[in-house]
């Protein structure tokens, strides 16, 4: 029922751009318009990369419509592919809407008919590369993901300037994702630890980071996280480095997020991608985030999960 309701919301949103003009070519349009919950930045990029791969295989046009909760082009601009789409035109008698949020089972290649001159409006947060290329090794899948990302995107002038202001020394990144555990914000999860549980978890994480530091004593460690409570604890009790700014999950009360908070998400992502090695710490109830994993893929850097 919830999927049906989400589809109806999307359909009625698209009807506001009603058009009877027929498409001259088959086009995939990946949409992030705020009509439904799209997930965080990485979830959105998964949908983009997946259907760009479909467009390449099918040899059809590819566009991104991303205007919520920010304009994607404020941070990422077209590189080798002109994917920008400023306005929508939806012909309900011809075009098709594909709602694939959290639908892990489909092969998207089977959903797109390159011979039909129509637009496919895609709502997706899944990495389908393995579904499409089951014979590919993990290394080849990662190379394909990295290639697709670099063909699509280059940093905007604003993002380039922000990246330039980041620490430029070689480093190791330790990344943590707590979602709601530390009580910072509401998320798709709702569990909040009590004070004692929070303190115990923080100490366990610090112990793991200390072990990493002992093995890599020649490089400084930067700790990145979605939790400001945790980052404040790191700054107060350790000598590990953090980055300035307030972390913010894109899809949590995104309407009220500032430009600087969204910029922080992108700079964190690129900082991780440029590090020498990436560690994701997943202790006890912590979330297994793909944010640092895919940043490491973009930067072609070693990635390790510490549990």
C-alpha atoms as a PDB file:
ATOM      1  CA  UNK A   1       0.000   0.000   0.000  1.00  0.00           C
ATOM      2  CA  UNK A   2       2.792   2.466   0.872  1.00  0.00           C
ATOM      3  CA  UNK A   3       4.439   1.878  -2.518  1.00  0.00           C
ATOM      4  CA  UNK A   4       1.122   2.564  -4.250  1.00  0.00           C
ATOM      5  CA  UNK A   5       0.638   5.794  -2.276  1.00  0.00           C
ATOM      6  CA  UNK A   6       4.177   6.891  -3.146  1.00  0.00           C
ATOM      7  CA  UNK A   7       3.529   6.176  -6.808  1.00  0.00           C
ATOM      8  CA  UNK A   8       0.347   8.249  -6.720  1.00  0.00           C
ATOM      9  CA  UNK A   9       2.225  11.177  -5.162  1.00  0.00           C
ATOM     10  CA  UNK A  10       4.810  11.015  -7.928  1.00  0.00           C
ATOM     11  CA  UNK A  11       2.166  10.709 -10.645  1.00  0.00           C
ATOM     12  CA  UNK A  12       0.205  13.713  -9.433  1.00  0.00           C
ATOM     13  CA  UNK A  13       3.421  15.707  -9.091  1.00  0.00           C
ATOM     14  CA  UNK A  14       4.363  14.909 -12.670  1.00  0.00           C
ATOM     15  CA  UNK A  15       0.891  15.832 -13.927  1.00  0.00           C
ATOM     16  CA  UNK A  16       1.704  19.422 -12.997  1.00  0.00           C
ATOM     17  CA  UNK A  17       4.084  19.342 -15.972  1.00  0.00           C
ATOM     18  CA  UNK A  18       1.398  17.881 -18.262  1.00  0.00           C
ATOM     19  CA  UNK A  19       2.286  17.870 -21.945  1.00  0.00           C
ATOM     20  CA  UNK A  20       0.794  16.233 -25.026  1.00  0.00           C
ATOM     21  CA  UNK A  21       3.979  16.572 -27.086  1.00  0.00           C
ATOM     22  CA  UNK A  22       5.510  13.264 -28.112  1.00  0.00           C
ATOM     23  CA  UNK A  23       9.171  12.463 -27.488  1.00  0.00           C
ATOM     24  CA  UNK A  24      11.487  12.320 -30.462  1.00  0.00           C
ATOM     25  CA  UNK A  25      13.807   9.902 -28.689  1.00  0.00           C
ATOM     26  CA  UNK A  26      13.813   7.520 -25.764  1.00  0.00           C
ATOM     27  CA  UNK A  27      15.084   9.289 -22.651  1.00  0.00           C
ATOM     28  CA  UNK A  28      15.774   8.184 -19.104  1.00  0.00           C
ATOM     29  CA  UNK A  29      15.141  10.910 -16.519  1.00  0.00           C
ATOM     30  CA  UNK A  30      16.228  10.155 -12.949  1.00  0.00           C
ATOM     31  CA  UNK A  31      14.142  12.376 -10.678  1.00  0.00           C
ATOM     32  CA  UNK A  32      14.698  13.895  -7.234  1.00  0.00           C
ATOM     33  CA  UNK A  33      11.860  16.382  -6.946  1.00  0.00           C
ATOM     34  CA  UNK A  34      10.758  15.993  -3.324  1.00  0.00           C
ATOM     35  CA  UNK A  35       7.555  14.134  -4.175  1.00  0.00           C
ATOM     36  CA  UNK A  36       8.738  11.152  -2.062  1.00  0.00           C
ATOM     37  CA  UNK A  37      11.600  10.394   0.322  1.00  0.00           C
ATOM     38  CA  UNK A  38      14.597   9.871  -1.965  1.00  0.00           C
ATOM     39  CA  UNK A  39      17.176   8.856   0.630  1.00  0.00           C
ATOM     40  CA  UNK A  40      20.550  10.425   1.319  1.00  0.00           C
ATOM     41  CA  UNK A  41      23.106  11.701  -1.172  1.00  0.00           C
ATOM     42  CA  UNK A  42      24.695   8.289  -1.713  1.00  0.00           C
ATOM     43  CA  UNK A  43      21.325   6.593  -2.263  1.00  0.00           C
ATOM     44  CA  UNK A  44      20.522   9.159  -4.923  1.00  0.00           C
ATOM     45  CA  UNK A  45      23.879   8.686  -6.622  1.00  0.00           C
ATOM     46  CA  UNK A  46      23.250   4.934  -6.708  1.00  0.00           C
ATOM     47  CA  UNK A  47      20.075   5.483  -8.709  1.00  0.00           C
ATOM     48  CA  UNK A  48      21.829   7.917 -11.037  1.00  0.00           C
ATOM     49  CA  UNK A  49      24.806   5.658 -11.738  1.00  0.00           C
ATOM     50  CA  UNK A  50      22.583   2.604 -12.240  1.00  0.00           C
ATOM     51  CA  UNK A  51      20.383   4.198 -14.874  1.00  0.00           C
ATOM     52  CA  UNK A  52      23.234   5.979 -16.574  1.00  0.00           C
ATOM     53  CA  UNK A  53      24.650   2.483 -17.118  1.00  0.00           C
ATOM     54  CA  UNK A  54      21.288   1.445 -18.577  1.00  0.00           C
ATOM     55  CA  UNK A  55      21.316   4.462 -20.892  1.00  0.00           C
ATOM     56  CA  UNK A  56      24.828   3.631 -22.088  1.00  0.00           C
ATOM     57  CA  UNK A  57      23.963   0.001 -22.781  1.00  0.00           C
ATOM     58  CA  UNK A  58      20.712   0.909 -24.523  1.00  0.00           C
ATOM     59  CA  UNK A  59      22.355   3.877 -26.298  1.00  0.00           C
ATOM     60  CA  UNK A  60      19.616   6.310 -25.316  1.00  0.00           C
ATOM     61  CA  UNK A  61      19.517   9.816 -23.877  1.00  0.00           C
ATOM     62  CA  UNK A  62      20.071  10.367 -20.146  1.00  0.00           C
ATOM     63  CA  UNK A  63      18.990  13.251 -17.929  1.00  0.00           C
ATOM     64  CA  UNK A  64      18.892  14.085 -14.213  1.00  0.00           C
ATOM     65  CA  UNK A  65      16.177  16.237 -12.679  1.00  0.00           C
ATOM     66  CA  UNK A  66      17.446  17.087  -9.190  1.00  0.00           C
ATOM     67  CA  UNK A  67      15.984  20.175  -7.531  1.00  0.00           C
ATOM     68  CA  UNK A  68      15.175  19.011  -3.990  1.00  0.00           C
ATOM     69  CA  UNK A  69      16.334  19.878  -1.397  1.00  0.00           C
ATOM     70  CA  UNK A  70      18.942  21.693  -3.513  1.00  0.00           C
ATOM     71  CA  UNK A  71      19.956  22.051  -7.130  1.00  0.00           C
ATOM     72  CA  UNK A  72      22.482  19.309  -7.849  1.00  0.00           C
ATOM     73  CA  UNK A  73      24.289  21.611 -10.288  1.00  0.00           C
ATOM     74  CA  UNK A  74      25.198  23.905  -7.374  1.00  0.00           C
ATOM     75  CA  UNK A  75      27.648  21.180  -6.343  1.00  0.00           C
ATOM     76  CA  UNK A  76      28.092  18.803  -9.277  1.00  0.00           C
ATOM     77  CA  UNK A  77      28.044  19.863 -12.913  1.00  0.00           C
ATOM     78  CA  UNK A  78      28.005  17.882 -16.175  1.00  0.00           C
ATOM     79  CA  UNK A  79      31.344  16.544 -17.326  1.00  0.00           C
ATOM     80  CA  UNK A  80      31.301  14.404 -20.480  1.00  0.00           C
ATOM     81  CA  UNK A  81      27.503  14.051 -20.521  1.00  0.00           C
ATOM     82  CA  UNK A  82      24.960  16.870 -20.617  1.00  0.00           C
ATOM     83  CA  UNK A  83      22.534  15.456 -18.065  1.00  0.00           C
ATOM     84  CA  UNK A  84      20.984  18.733 -16.876  1.00  0.00           C
ATOM     85  CA  UNK A  85      17.222  19.062 -17.198  1.00  0.00           C
ATOM     86  CA  UNK A  86      15.723  22.332 -16.030  1.00  0.00           C
ATOM     87  CA  UNK A  87      12.012  21.578 -16.529  1.00  0.00           C
ATOM     88  CA  UNK A  88       9.839  18.501 -16.842  1.00  0.00           C
ATOM     89  CA  UNK A  89       7.342  17.691 -19.573  1.00  0.00           C
ATOM     90  CA  UNK A  90       5.241  14.637 -18.777  1.00  0.00           C
ATOM     91  CA  UNK A  91       2.897  13.073 -21.304  1.00  0.00           C
ATOM     92  CA  UNK A  92       0.671  10.708 -19.263  1.00  0.00           C
ATOM     93  CA  UNK A  93      -0.527   8.997 -22.476  1.00  0.00           C
ATOM     94  CA  UNK A  94       2.993   8.106 -23.588  1.00  0.00           C
ATOM     95  CA  UNK A  95       5.605   8.392 -20.880  1.00  0.00           C
ATOM     96  CA  UNK A  96       6.253   5.889 -18.093  1.00  0.00           C
ATOM     97  CA  UNK A  97       6.977   6.255 -14.379  1.00  0.00           C
ATOM     98  CA  UNK A  98       9.185   3.637 -12.694  1.00  0.00           C
ATOM     99  CA  UNK A  99       9.084   3.685  -8.885  1.00  0.00           C
ATOM    100  CA  UNK A 100      11.991   1.479  -7.764  1.00  0.00           C
ATOM    101  CA  UNK A 101      12.752   2.799  -4.290  1.00  0.00           C
ATOM    102  CA  UNK A 102      14.192  -0.059  -2.183  1.00  0.00           C
ATOM    103  CA  UNK A 103      13.348  -2.544  -4.950  1.00  0.00           C
ATOM    104  CA  UNK A 104      16.472  -4.703  -4.991  1.00  0.00           C
ATOM    105  CA  UNK A 105      15.224  -7.567  -7.154  1.00  0.00           C
ATOM    106  CA  UNK A 106      14.745  -6.096 -10.627  1.00  0.00           C
ATOM    107  CA  UNK A 107      17.164  -5.876 -13.529  1.00  0.00           C
ATOM    108  CA  UNK A 108      16.587  -2.344 -14.876  1.00  0.00           C
ATOM    109  CA  UNK A 109      17.698  -3.353 -18.366  1.00  0.00           C
ATOM    110  CA  UNK A 110      14.451  -5.292 -18.694  1.00  0.00           C
ATOM    111  CA  UNK A 111      12.362  -2.206 -17.863  1.00  0.00           C
ATOM    112  CA  UNK A 112      13.567   0.097 -20.634  1.00  0.00           C
ATOM    113  CA  UNK A 113      12.596  -0.333 -24.282  1.00  0.00           C
ATOM    114  CA  UNK A 114      15.005   1.672 -26.415  1.00  0.00           C
ATOM    115  CA  UNK A 115      12.738   1.369 -29.477  1.00  0.00           C
ATOM    116  CA  UNK A 116       9.895   3.352 -27.954  1.00  0.00           C
ATOM    117  CA  UNK A 117      10.262   7.097 -28.253  1.00  0.00           C
ATOM    118  CA  UNK A 118       9.124   8.044 -24.789  1.00  0.00           C
ATOM    119  CA  UNK A 119      10.461   9.333 -21.518  1.00  0.00           C
ATOM    120  CA  UNK A 120      11.057   7.092 -18.517  1.00  0.00           C
ATOM    121  CA  UNK A 121      10.761   8.983 -15.212  1.00  0.00           C
ATOM    122  CA  UNK A 122      12.851   7.013 -12.717  1.00  0.00           C
ATOM    123  CA  UNK A 123      12.650   7.136  -8.905  1.00  0.00           C
ATOM    124  CA  UNK A 124      15.442   4.924  -7.633  1.00  0.00           C
ATOM    125  CA  UNK A 125      17.938   4.607  -4.758  1.00  0.00           C
ATOM    126  CA  UNK A 126      19.545   1.250  -5.611  1.00  0.00           C
ATOM    127  CA  UNK A 127      22.912   0.250  -7.078  1.00  0.00           C
ATOM    128  CA  UNK A 128      21.891  -2.176  -9.833  1.00  0.00           C
ATOM    129  CA  UNK A 129      25.291  -2.660 -11.479  1.00  0.00           C
ATOM    130  CA  UNK A 130      25.691  -6.202 -10.123  1.00  0.00           C
ATOM    131  CA  UNK A 131      22.151  -7.089 -11.262  1.00  0.00           C
ATOM    132  CA  UNK A 132      23.053  -5.948 -14.776  1.00  0.00           C
ATOM    133  CA  UNK A 133      26.549  -7.450 -14.862  1.00  0.00           C
ATOM    134  CA  UNK A 134      26.384 -10.669 -12.882  1.00  0.00           C
ATOM    135  CA  UNK A 135      29.584 -11.966 -14.501  1.00  0.00           C
ATOM    136  CA  UNK A 136      31.608  -8.899 -13.436  1.00  0.00           C
ATOM    137  CA  UNK A 137      34.067  -9.160 -10.558  1.00  0.00           C
ATOM    138  CA  UNK A 138      33.744  -6.746  -7.640  1.00  0.00           C
ATOM    139  CA  UNK A 139      36.788  -4.868  -8.939  1.00  0.00           C
ATOM    140  CA  UNK A 140      35.179  -4.466 -12.373  1.00  0.00           C
ATOM    141  CA  UNK A 141      31.890  -3.328 -10.825  1.00  0.00           C
ATOM    142  CA  UNK A 142      33.778  -0.690  -8.841  1.00  0.00           C
ATOM    143  CA  UNK A 143      35.698   0.427 -11.919  1.00  0.00           C
ATOM    144  CA  UNK A 144      32.424   0.774 -13.840  1.00  0.00           C
ATOM    145  CA  UNK A 145      30.905   2.804 -10.995  1.00  0.00           C
ATOM    146  CA  UNK A 146      33.936   5.099 -10.885  1.00  0.00           C
ATOM    147  CA  UNK A 147      33.984   5.527 -14.675  1.00  0.00           C
ATOM    148  CA  UNK A 148      30.282   6.377 -14.793  1.00  0.00           C
ATOM    149  CA  UNK A 149      30.603   8.888 -11.964  1.00  0.00           C
ATOM    150  CA  UNK A 150      33.528  10.652 -13.615  1.00  0.00           C
ATOM    151  CA  UNK A 151      31.790  10.753 -16.996  1.00  0.00           C
ATOM    152  CA  UNK A 152      28.756  12.380 -15.422  1.00  0.00           C
ATOM    153  CA  UNK A 153      30.191  14.764 -12.859  1.00  0.00           C
ATOM    154  CA  UNK A 154      32.753  17.422 -12.217  1.00  0.00           C
ATOM    155  CA  UNK A 155      32.837  19.674  -9.172  1.00  0.00           C
ATOM    156  CA  UNK A 156      31.143  23.066  -9.401  1.00  0.00           C
ATOM    157  CA  UNK A 157      33.306  26.162  -8.743  1.00  0.00           C
ATOM    158  CA  UNK A 158      31.766  26.425  -5.253  1.00  0.00           C
ATOM    159  CA  UNK A 159      32.576  22.822  -4.432  1.00  0.00           C
ATOM    160  CA  UNK A 160      36.092  23.086  -5.886  1.00  0.00           C
ATOM    161  CA  UNK A 161      36.799  26.095  -3.680  1.00  0.00           C
ATOM    162  CA  UNK A 162      35.470  24.274  -0.600  1.00  0.00           C
ATOM    163  CA  UNK A 163      37.578  21.191  -1.372  1.00  0.00           C
ATOM    164  CA  UNK A 164      40.649  23.401  -1.819  1.00  0.00           C
ATOM    165  CA  UNK A 165      40.123  24.743   1.717  1.00  0.00           C
ATOM    166  CA  UNK A 166      40.179  21.252   3.222  1.00  0.00           C
ATOM    167  CA  UNK A 167      43.381  19.856   4.779  1.00  0.00           C
ATOM    168  CA  UNK A 168      45.626  18.749   1.918  1.00  0.00           C
ATOM    169  CA  UNK A 169      47.994  16.465   3.845  1.00  0.00           C
ATOM    170  CA  UNK A 170      47.955  12.738   3.219  1.00  0.00           C
ATOM    171  CA  UNK A 171      45.646  11.097   5.745  1.00  0.00           C
ATOM    172  CA  UNK A 172      43.548   8.152   6.811  1.00  0.00           C
ATOM    173  CA  UNK A 173      39.796   8.527   7.293  1.00  0.00           C
ATOM    174  CA  UNK A 174      37.772   6.701   9.930  1.00  0.00           C
ATOM    175  CA  UNK A 175      34.078   7.061   9.203  1.00  0.00           C
ATOM    176  CA  UNK A 176      31.122   6.356  11.495  1.00  0.00           C
ATOM    177  CA  UNK A 177      27.376   6.370  10.851  1.00  0.00           C
ATOM    178  CA  UNK A 178      25.105   6.364  13.889  1.00  0.00           C
ATOM    179  CA  UNK A 179      21.753   7.453  12.455  1.00  0.00           C
ATOM    180  CA  UNK A 180      19.594   8.112  15.545  1.00  0.00           C
ATOM    181  CA  UNK A 181      21.744   6.267  18.124  1.00  0.00           C
ATOM    182  CA  UNK A 182      23.423   9.355  19.580  1.00  0.00           C
ATOM    183  CA  UNK A 183      20.188  11.348  19.682  1.00  0.00           C
ATOM    184  CA  UNK A 184      21.362  13.941  17.158  1.00  0.00           C
ATOM    185  CA  UNK A 185      18.410  13.666  14.815  1.00  0.00           C
ATOM    186  CA  UNK A 186      15.495  11.508  13.736  1.00  0.00           C
ATOM    187  CA  UNK A 187      16.226   9.147  10.867  1.00  0.00           C
ATOM    188  CA  UNK A 188      14.872   6.034   9.192  1.00  0.00           C
ATOM    189  CA  UNK A 189      15.885   4.318  12.432  1.00  0.00           C
ATOM    190  CA  UNK A 190      14.534   5.418  15.812  1.00  0.00           C
ATOM    191  CA  UNK A 191      16.717   3.744  18.459  1.00  0.00           C
ATOM    192  CA  UNK A 192      18.421   6.209  20.838  1.00  0.00           C
ATOM    193  CA  UNK A 193      21.029   4.986  23.305  1.00  0.00           C
ATOM    194  CA  UNK A 194      21.004   6.108  26.927  1.00  0.00           C
ATOM    195  CA  UNK A 195      23.929   8.107  28.333  1.00  0.00           C
ATOM    196  CA  UNK A 196      25.820   5.058  29.579  1.00  0.00           C
ATOM    197  CA  UNK A 197      25.373   3.179  26.315  1.00  0.00           C
ATOM    198  CA  UNK A 198      26.574   6.195  24.337  1.00  0.00           C
ATOM    199  CA  UNK A 199      29.708   6.514  26.467  1.00  0.00           C
ATOM    200  CA  UNK A 200      30.488   2.805  26.152  1.00  0.00           C
ATOM    201  CA  UNK A 201      30.050   2.878  22.387  1.00  0.00           C
ATOM    202  CA  UNK A 202      32.268   5.944  22.001  1.00  0.00           C
ATOM    203  CA  UNK A 203      35.015   4.262  24.032  1.00  0.00           C
ATOM    204  CA  UNK A 204      34.816   1.117  21.900  1.00  0.00           C
ATOM    205  CA  UNK A 205      35.173   3.208  18.736  1.00  0.00           C
ATOM    206  CA  UNK A 206      38.112   5.199  20.117  1.00  0.00           C
ATOM    207  CA  UNK A 207      39.846   1.929  20.997  1.00  0.00           C
ATOM    208  CA  UNK A 208      39.422   0.721  17.412  1.00  0.00           C
ATOM    209  CA  UNK A 209      40.759   4.001  16.027  1.00  0.00           C
ATOM    210  CA  UNK A 210      43.741   3.807  18.375  1.00  0.00           C
ATOM    211  CA  UNK A 211      44.516   0.380  16.921  1.00  0.00           C
ATOM    212  CA  UNK A 212      44.346   1.801  13.406  1.00  0.00           C
ATOM    213  CA  UNK A 213      46.645   4.659  14.417  1.00  0.00           C
ATOM    214  CA  UNK A 214      49.207   2.198  15.795  1.00  0.00           C
ATOM    215  CA  UNK A 215      49.292   0.403  12.449  1.00  0.00           C
ATOM    216  CA  UNK A 216      49.530   3.667  10.473  1.00  0.00           C
ATOM    217  CA  UNK A 217      51.567   5.929  12.714  1.00  0.00           C
ATOM    218  CA  UNK A 218      53.011   7.849   9.766  1.00  0.00           C
ATOM    219  CA  UNK A 219      49.653   9.358   8.739  1.00  0.00           C
ATOM    220  CA  UNK A 220      47.212  11.578  10.646  1.00  0.00           C
ATOM    221  CA  UNK A 221      43.722  10.203  11.217  1.00  0.00           C
ATOM    222  CA  UNK A 222      40.603  12.206  10.416  1.00  0.00           C
ATOM    223  CA  UNK A 223      37.325  11.119  11.974  1.00  0.00           C
ATOM    224  CA  UNK A 224      34.160  11.830   9.975  1.00  0.00           C
ATOM    225  CA  UNK A 225      30.631  11.088  11.136  1.00  0.00           C
ATOM    226  CA  UNK A 226      26.948  11.895  10.829  1.00  0.00           C
ATOM    227  CA  UNK A 227      26.866  12.599  14.592  1.00  0.00           C
ATOM    228  CA  UNK A 228      27.951  15.960  15.979  1.00  0.00           C
ATOM    229  CA  UNK A 229      27.680  14.489  19.506  1.00  0.00           C
ATOM    230  CA  UNK A 230      30.271  11.868  18.589  1.00  0.00           C
ATOM    231  CA  UNK A 231      32.550  14.367  16.828  1.00  0.00           C
ATOM    232  CA  UNK A 232      32.445  16.641  19.884  1.00  0.00           C
ATOM    233  CA  UNK A 233      33.495  13.668  22.032  1.00  0.00           C
ATOM    234  CA  UNK A 234      36.387  12.938  19.657  1.00  0.00           C
ATOM    235  CA  UNK A 235      37.572  16.539  19.834  1.00  0.00           C
ATOM    236  CA  UNK A 236      37.246  16.654  23.627  1.00  0.00           C
ATOM    237  CA  UNK A 237      38.949  13.360  24.492  1.00  0.00           C
ATOM    238  CA  UNK A 238      41.397  12.494  21.679  1.00  0.00           C
ATOM    239  CA  UNK A 239      44.010  14.034  19.400  1.00  0.00           C
ATOM    240  CA  UNK A 240      42.343  12.772  16.229  1.00  0.00           C
ATOM    241  CA  UNK A 241      41.373  15.318  13.598  1.00  0.00           C
ATOM    242  CA  UNK A 242      37.885  16.331  12.467  1.00  0.00           C
ATOM    243  CA  UNK A 243      36.593  18.629   9.752  1.00  0.00           C
ATOM    244  CA  UNK A 244      34.703  21.834  10.441  1.00  0.00           C
ATOM    245  CA  UNK A 245      30.977  22.129   9.808  1.00  0.00           C
ATOM    246  CA  UNK A 246      27.809  20.419  10.963  1.00  0.00           C
ATOM    247  CA  UNK A 247      26.993  17.024   9.419  1.00  0.00           C
ATOM    248  CA  UNK A 248      23.509  16.716   7.946  1.00  0.00           C
ATOM    249  CA  UNK A 249      21.729  13.795   6.316  1.00  0.00           C
ATOM    250  CA  UNK A 250      20.258  15.035   3.034  1.00  0.00           C
ATOM    251  CA  UNK A 251      16.835  13.434   3.393  1.00  0.00           C
ATOM    252  CA  UNK A 252      16.168  14.315   7.047  1.00  0.00           C
ATOM    253  CA  UNK A 253      14.066  17.503   7.247  1.00  0.00           C
ATOM    254  CA  UNK A 254      15.898  18.581   4.132  1.00  0.00           C
ATOM    255  CA  UNK A 255      13.591  21.527   3.511  1.00  0.00           C
ATOM    256  CA  UNK A 256      15.141  23.264   6.517  1.00  0.00           C
ATOM    257  CA  UNK A 257      18.764  22.479   5.715  1.00  0.00           C
ATOM    258  CA  UNK A 258      21.129  25.280   4.776  1.00  0.00           C
ATOM    259  CA  UNK A 259      23.337  25.500   1.714  1.00  0.00           C
ATOM    260  CA  UNK A 260      26.381  25.152   3.992  1.00  0.00           C
ATOM    261  CA  UNK A 261      25.061  21.888   5.443  1.00  0.00           C
ATOM    262  CA  UNK A 262      24.614  20.395   1.984  1.00  0.00           C
ATOM    263  CA  UNK A 263      28.064  21.636   0.995  1.00  0.00           C
ATOM    264  CA  UNK A 264      29.434  19.870   4.077  1.00  0.00           C
ATOM    265  CA  UNK A 265      27.994  16.559   2.822  1.00  0.00           C
ATOM    266  CA  UNK A 266      29.788  16.945  -0.516  1.00  0.00           C
ATOM    267  CA  UNK A 267      33.089  18.071   0.993  1.00  0.00           C
ATOM    268  CA  UNK A 268      33.064  15.126   3.400  1.00  0.00           C
ATOM    269  CA  UNK A 269      32.445  12.796   0.455  1.00  0.00           C
ATOM    270  CA  UNK A 270      35.329  14.219  -1.567  1.00  0.00           C
ATOM    271  CA  UNK A 271      37.652  14.383   1.428  1.00  0.00           C
ATOM    272  CA  UNK A 272      37.105  10.661   1.980  1.00  0.00           C
ATOM    273  CA  UNK A 273      37.690   9.953  -1.717  1.00  0.00           C
ATOM    274  CA  UNK A 274      41.073  11.699  -1.608  1.00  0.00           C
ATOM    275  CA  UNK A 275      42.379   9.993   1.554  1.00  0.00           C
ATOM    276  CA  UNK A 276      45.017   7.261   1.457  1.00  0.00           C
ATOM    277  CA  UNK A 277      42.843   4.641   3.153  1.00  0.00           C
ATOM    278  CA  UNK A 278      39.265   4.498   4.419  1.00  0.00           C
ATOM    279  CA  UNK A 279      37.898   2.650   7.440  1.00  0.00           C
ATOM    280  CA  UNK A 280      34.216   2.295   8.275  1.00  0.00           C
ATOM    281  CA  UNK A 281      33.676   1.520  11.955  1.00  0.00           C
ATOM    282  CA  UNK A 282      30.527  -0.488  12.573  1.00  0.00           C
ATOM    283  CA  UNK A 283      30.317  -1.436  16.236  1.00  0.00           C
ATOM    284  CA  UNK A 284      27.258  -2.971  17.908  1.00  0.00           C
ATOM    285  CA  UNK A 285      24.114  -1.214  16.630  1.00  0.00           C
ATOM    286  CA  UNK A 286      25.893   1.234  14.328  1.00  0.00           C
ATOM    287  CA  UNK A 287      24.737   1.601  10.729  1.00  0.00           C
ATOM    288  CA  UNK A 288      26.586  -0.006   7.824  1.00  0.00           C
ATOM    289  CA  UNK A 289      26.847   3.127   5.699  1.00  0.00           C
ATOM    290  CA  UNK A 290      27.724   3.055   2.023  1.00  0.00           C
ATOM    291  CA  UNK A 291      28.776   6.719   2.088  1.00  0.00           C
ATOM    292  CA  UNK A 292      32.466   6.110   2.804  1.00  0.00           C
ATOM    293  CA  UNK A 293      32.575   2.890   0.757  1.00  0.00           C
ATOM    294  CA  UNK A 294      31.458   4.635  -2.428  1.00  0.00           C
ATOM    295  CA  UNK A 295      33.656   7.658  -1.738  1.00  0.00           C
ATOM    296  CA  UNK A 296      36.567   5.199  -1.581  1.00  0.00           C
ATOM    297  CA  UNK A 297      35.392   3.686  -4.884  1.00  0.00           C
ATOM    298  CA  UNK A 298      35.340   7.120  -6.516  1.00  0.00           C
ATOM    299  CA  UNK A 299      38.873   7.791  -5.276  1.00  0.00           C
ATOM    300  CA  UNK A 300      40.052   4.225  -5.996  1.00  0.00           C
ATOM    301  CA  UNK A 301      41.264   3.917  -2.399  1.00  0.00           C
ATOM    302  CA  UNK A 302      41.448   0.887  -0.049  1.00  0.00           C
ATOM    303  CA  UNK A 303      38.320   0.417   2.061  1.00  0.00           C
ATOM    304  CA  UNK A 304      37.971  -1.684   5.224  1.00  0.00           C
ATOM    305  CA  UNK A 305      35.063  -2.337   7.588  1.00  0.00           C
ATOM    306  CA  UNK A 306      35.995  -2.586  11.273  1.00  0.00           C
ATOM    307  CA  UNK A 307      33.455  -4.444  13.402  1.00  0.00           C
END
